[in-house]
Amino acid sequence: MNGVVRATSVRPRSSLDWGGGAEAYLTAIHVLLQEEHPSQVVAARVAEYLGVSPASVSRALGRLQVAGDLVQKVPTLVLSAQGWEHAERLLRHHHIAECWLTDELGMDWTRVHQEAQRLGSAMSEAVATALWEHLGRPQRCPHGTPIPGTDAVCPLVESLAEVGSGHYVIDRILEQVEDFVELLRQLKTSGLIPGASVDVKASAAGGEPSVRLAAGHDAPWIALQPWLARKVLVRAQD
């Protein structure tokens, strides 16, 4: 074993950078519904994810319900069709901003998520569409997430915590990880980014799986904490 990717001393930046107000909570609910089991998406989980008090979440959920974006608060959170569409529009703008920051401005892949939170929330649909066209109609953000409203192909994927030993391609890194800048930097430095071909050594139940770049048997093995392994999705090698 040659290394381990850990986040024991890394604090995530608050996802409340999503333009502030109810939009931050709406986007958080959408992300959690996409990346976790719906039964886990409760008010307390949103508070934990955003790093805010339960009282703040309760007030925000009330505003979302009045606006028609949320149809259920207990026992789990359920977005309305309007709320789902609103959240996807915010995420679409966010991911397009990320593509612009990396592809046009050459910004570091590990930092564009935070900058795009500010830019995307202020972007009109007209500007987002024009920018998307200018960038060549990207299908995914730099971290591999399919951009809502595009024809992105979503192959069958599993997390690194679920797959057996073998050869895979990293498909994407889940949105929840993108607030951990130092963690993203470690993944990037190790070459563990979307599109990379990797060898995976499965772990015993609950243990740390190991992964290395498939380009050469001398590449170091990197152990991933179980929670992080669940946030890195891979697909079968073509």
Protein backbone atom coordinates (compact mmCIF):
# COMPACT_ATOMS: atom_id res chain seq x y z
CA MET A 1 0.00 0.00 0.00
CA ASN A 2 1.53 3.32 -1.02
CA GLY A 3 -0.91 6.00 0.07
CA VAL A 4 -4.27 6.92 1.45
CA VAL A 5 -6.70 9.71 0.59
CA ARG A 6 -8.27 11.03 3.77
CA ALA A 7 -10.29 14.06 4.79
CA THR A 8 -9.76 13.99 8.53
CA SER A 9 -8.63 17.62 8.68
CA VAL A 10 -10.55 19.02 5.75
CA ARG A 11 -13.54 21.27 6.33
CA PRO A 12 -16.00 21.65 3.44
CA ARG A 13 -16.94 25.12 2.34
CA SER A 14 -20.60 25.82 3.03
CA SER A 15 -22.87 25.11 0.10
CA LEU A 16 -24.79 28.25 1.07
CA ASP A 17 -22.66 30.00 -1.54
CA TRP A 18 -25.45 28.94 -3.94
CA GLY A 19 -26.71 32.50 -4.19
CA GLY A 20 -28.05 32.47 -0.63
CA GLY A 21 -31.67 32.18 0.42
CA ALA A 22 -33.95 29.29 -0.40
CA GLU A 23 -32.02 28.44 -3.59
CA ALA A 24 -29.17 27.00 -1.51
CA TYR A 25 -31.55 24.64 0.27
CA LEU A 26 -33.38 23.70 -2.92
CA THR A 27 -30.13 22.77 -4.62
CA ALA A 28 -28.95 20.83 -1.57
CA ILE A 29 -32.16 18.78 -1.51
CA HIS A 30 -31.81 17.98 -5.21
CA VAL A 31 -28.17 16.91 -4.81
CA LEU A 32 -28.97 14.69 -1.85
CA LEU A 33 -31.95 13.11 -3.62
CA GLN A 34 -29.70 12.31 -6.58
CA GLU A 35 -26.77 11.01 -4.58
CA GLU A 36 -28.34 9.29 -1.57
CA HIS A 37 -31.31 7.03 -0.90
CA PRO A 38 -34.51 9.14 -0.70
CA SER A 39 -35.24 7.76 2.77
CA GLN A 40 -32.09 9.53 4.03
CA VAL A 41 -33.06 12.96 2.69
CA VAL A 42 -34.62 14.54 5.76
CA ALA A 43 -34.36 18.04 7.22
CA ALA A 44 -31.57 17.00 9.60
CA ARG A 45 -29.49 15.66 6.68
CA VAL A 46 -29.85 18.97 4.83
CA ALA A 47 -28.71 20.82 7.96
CA GLU A 48 -25.69 18.53 8.24
CA TYR A 49 -24.82 18.89 4.56
CA LEU A 50 -25.03 22.68 4.56
CA GLY A 51 -23.53 23.14 8.01
CA VAL A 52 -26.45 25.18 9.31
CA SER A 53 -28.84 24.92 12.25
CA PRO A 54 -32.03 22.84 12.15
CA ALA A 55 -33.98 26.06 12.75
CA SER A 56 -32.51 27.62 9.59
CA VAL A 57 -33.46 24.56 7.56
CA SER A 58 -36.98 24.58 9.00
CA ARG A 59 -37.50 28.20 7.97
CA ALA A 60 -36.10 27.57 4.48
CA LEU A 61 -38.27 24.51 3.96
CA GLY A 62 -41.30 26.55 4.90
CA ARG A 63 -40.39 29.13 2.23
CA LEU A 64 -39.87 26.40 -0.37
CA GLN A 65 -43.26 24.91 0.47
CA VAL A 66 -45.02 28.27 0.17
CA ALA A 67 -43.28 28.85 -3.19
CA GLY A 68 -44.53 25.48 -4.44
CA ASP A 69 -41.07 23.92 -4.78
CA LEU A 70 -41.52 21.45 -1.90
CA VAL A 71 -44.57 19.23 -1.43
CA GLN A 72 -43.50 17.24 1.64
CA LYS A 73 -41.33 18.03 4.67
CA VAL A 74 -41.84 14.95 6.84
CA PRO A 75 -40.83 12.23 7.21
CA THR A 76 -38.69 12.81 4.10
CA LEU A 77 -38.31 15.76 1.74
CA VAL A 78 -40.11 15.62 -1.60
CA LEU A 79 -39.73 18.23 -4.32
CA SER A 80 -42.60 19.21 -6.59
CA ALA A 81 -42.21 19.06 -10.38
CA GLN A 82 -41.70 22.82 -10.24
CA GLY A 83 -39.06 22.49 -7.53
CA TRP A 84 -37.24 19.77 -9.44
CA GLU A 85 -37.19 21.92 -12.58
CA HIS A 86 -36.03 24.97 -10.63
CA ALA A 87 -33.20 23.02 -8.99
CA GLU A 88 -32.09 21.52 -12.30
CA ARG A 89 -31.97 24.98 -13.86
CA LEU A 90 -29.72 26.20 -11.05
CA LEU A 91 -27.48 23.14 -11.43
CA ARG A 92 -27.37 23.51 -15.20
CA HIS A 93 -26.11 27.08 -14.85
CA HIS A 94 -23.64 25.97 -12.18
CA HIS A 95 -22.14 23.19 -14.31
CA ILE A 96 -21.92 25.41 -17.39
CA ALA A 97 -20.07 28.00 -15.30
CA GLU A 98 -17.67 25.26 -14.13
CA CYS A 99 -16.96 24.28 -17.75
CA TRP A 100 -16.32 27.90 -18.68
CA LEU A 101 -13.95 28.41 -15.75
CA THR A 102 -11.88 25.33 -16.59
CA ASP A 103 -12.03 25.31 -20.39
CA GLU A 104 -11.83 29.03 -21.14
CA LEU A 105 -10.12 30.55 -18.12
CA GLY A 106 -7.92 27.61 -17.21
CA MET A 107 -8.86 27.65 -13.54
CA ASP A 108 -7.83 24.83 -11.25
CA TRP A 109 -10.27 21.90 -11.43
CA THR A 110 -10.33 21.73 -7.64
CA ARG A 111 -11.63 25.30 -7.17
CA VAL A 112 -14.17 25.90 -9.92
CA HIS A 113 -17.07 24.44 -7.91
CA GLN A 114 -16.94 27.25 -5.37
CA GLU A 115 -16.59 30.00 -7.97
CA ALA A 116 -19.39 28.54 -10.08
CA GLN A 117 -21.74 28.60 -7.10
CA ARG A 118 -21.59 32.38 -7.23
CA LEU A 119 -21.64 32.75 -11.00
CA GLY A 120 -24.33 30.20 -11.76
CA SER A 121 -26.88 31.63 -9.35
CA ALA A 122 -26.62 35.04 -11.05
CA MET A 123 -26.75 33.70 -14.62
CA SER A 124 -29.85 34.07 -16.77
CA GLU A 125 -31.08 31.20 -18.92
CA ALA A 126 -30.22 33.18 -22.05
CA VAL A 127 -26.62 33.67 -20.93
CA ALA A 128 -26.33 30.04 -19.81
CA THR A 129 -27.55 28.76 -23.18
CA ALA A 130 -25.27 31.10 -25.12
CA LEU A 131 -22.29 30.07 -23.02
CA TRP A 132 -23.14 26.39 -23.40
CA GLU A 133 -23.25 26.81 -27.19
CA HIS A 134 -19.95 28.74 -27.15
CA LEU A 135 -18.28 25.94 -25.18
CA GLY A 136 -19.33 23.34 -27.75
CA ARG A 137 -22.38 21.98 -25.91
CA PRO A 138 -20.59 20.08 -23.12
CA GLN A 139 -22.50 17.14 -21.71
CA ARG A 140 -20.79 16.95 -18.32
CA CYS A 141 -19.17 19.24 -15.81
CA PRO A 142 -15.41 18.96 -15.14
CA HIS A 143 -16.11 16.55 -12.29
CA GLY A 144 -18.13 14.25 -14.55
CA THR A 145 -21.70 15.11 -13.50
CA PRO A 146 -24.17 15.08 -16.44
CA ILE A 147 -25.46 18.59 -17.14
CA PRO A 148 -29.27 18.81 -16.86
CA GLY A 149 -30.98 19.67 -20.13
CA THR A 150 -28.38 17.99 -22.35
CA ASP A 151 -28.34 14.61 -24.05
CA ALA A 152 -25.63 13.27 -21.75
CA VAL A 153 -25.37 9.49 -21.88
CA CYS A 154 -25.40 7.97 -18.40
CA PRO A 155 -23.89 4.47 -18.44
CA LEU A 156 -24.38 1.99 -15.65
CA VAL A 157 -22.16 3.04 -12.76
CA GLU A 158 -21.27 1.82 -9.29
CA SER A 159 -19.28 3.38 -6.51
CA LEU A 160 -15.73 2.28 -5.74
CA ALA A 161 -17.11 0.91 -2.48
CA GLU A 162 -19.42 -1.48 -4.34
CA VAL A 163 -17.38 -2.89 -7.21
CA GLY A 164 -15.23 -5.98 -7.15
CA SER A 165 -11.55 -6.08 -8.04
CA GLY A 166 -10.92 -5.31 -11.70
CA HIS A 167 -10.44 -2.62 -14.33
CA TYR A 168 -12.74 0.39 -14.51
CA VAL A 169 -13.04 3.98 -15.73
CA ILE A 170 -13.82 6.78 -13.30
CA ASP A 171 -17.16 8.19 -14.42
CA ARG A 172 -17.70 11.04 -11.98
CA ILE A 173 -17.11 12.42 -8.52
CA LEU A 174 -20.32 13.21 -6.69
CA GLU A 175 -21.31 16.79 -5.98
CA GLN A 176 -21.00 16.36 -2.21
CA VAL A 177 -17.23 15.90 -2.49
CA GLU A 178 -16.67 19.10 -4.46
CA ASP A 179 -16.75 21.30 -1.35
CA PHE A 180 -13.60 19.54 -0.08
CA VAL A 181 -10.89 21.42 -2.00
CA GLU A 182 -7.93 19.64 -0.41
CA LEU A 183 -9.56 16.27 -1.01
CA LEU A 184 -10.14 17.10 -4.68
CA ARG A 185 -6.51 18.17 -4.90
CA GLN A 186 -5.39 14.79 -3.57
CA LEU A 187 -7.57 12.96 -6.08
CA LYS A 188 -6.28 15.10 -8.93
CA THR A 189 -2.65 14.68 -7.87
CA SER A 190 -3.18 10.91 -7.82
CA GLY A 191 -4.73 11.05 -11.30
CA LEU A 192 -8.10 9.83 -10.00
CA ILE A 193 -10.26 12.07 -12.19
CA PRO A 194 -13.18 11.39 -14.56
CA GLY A 195 -12.06 9.45 -17.63
CA ALA A 196 -9.05 7.85 -15.94
CA SER A 197 -8.64 4.09 -16.36
CA VAL A 198 -8.01 2.49 -12.99
CA ASP A 199 -7.33 -0.84 -11.34
CA VAL A 200 -9.42 -1.51 -8.25
CA LYS A 201 -8.58 -3.83 -5.40
CA ALA A 202 -11.78 -4.53 -3.49
CA SER A 203 -11.72 -4.47 0.29
CA ALA A 204 -13.29 -6.61 2.95
CA ALA A 205 -16.74 -5.44 4.04
CA GLY A 206 -16.48 -1.95 5.46
CA GLY A 207 -12.78 -1.64 4.67
CA GLU A 208 -10.85 0.73 2.44
CA PRO A 209 -10.77 -0.21 -1.26
CA SER A 210 -7.57 0.59 -3.13
CA VAL A 211 -7.25 2.10 -6.58
CA ARG A 212 -4.40 2.94 -8.93
CA LEU A 213 -4.00 4.26 -12.44
CA ALA A 214 -4.07 1.41 -14.94
CA ALA A 215 -1.23 2.86 -17.03
CA GLY A 216 1.58 0.75 -15.67
CA HIS A 217 2.00 -1.77 -12.91
CA ASP A 218 4.40 0.52 -11.06
CA ALA A 219 1.63 3.02 -10.26
CA PRO A 220 1.07 3.37 -6.50
CA TRP A 221 -2.01 1.92 -4.83
CA ILE A 222 -4.16 4.53 -3.10
CA ALA A 223 -6.53 3.55 -0.29
CA LEU A 224 -9.78 5.49 -0.10
CA GLN A 225 -11.82 5.99 3.03
CA PRO A 226 -15.12 4.07 2.72
CA TRP A 227 -17.26 7.23 2.73
CA LEU A 228 -15.15 8.71 -0.08
CA ALA A 229 -15.17 5.47 -2.07
CA ARG A 230 -18.97 5.71 -2.06
CA LYS A 231 -18.72 9.16 -3.69
CA VAL A 232 -16.51 8.13 -6.63
CA LEU A 233 -18.50 6.39 -9.36
CA VAL A 234 -16.92 4.09 -11.94
CA ARG A 235 -18.13 2.26 -15.04
CA ALA A 236 -16.91 -0.89 -16.69
CA GLN A 237 -13.83 -0.61 -18.88
CA ASP A 238 -14.87 -0.47 -22.56
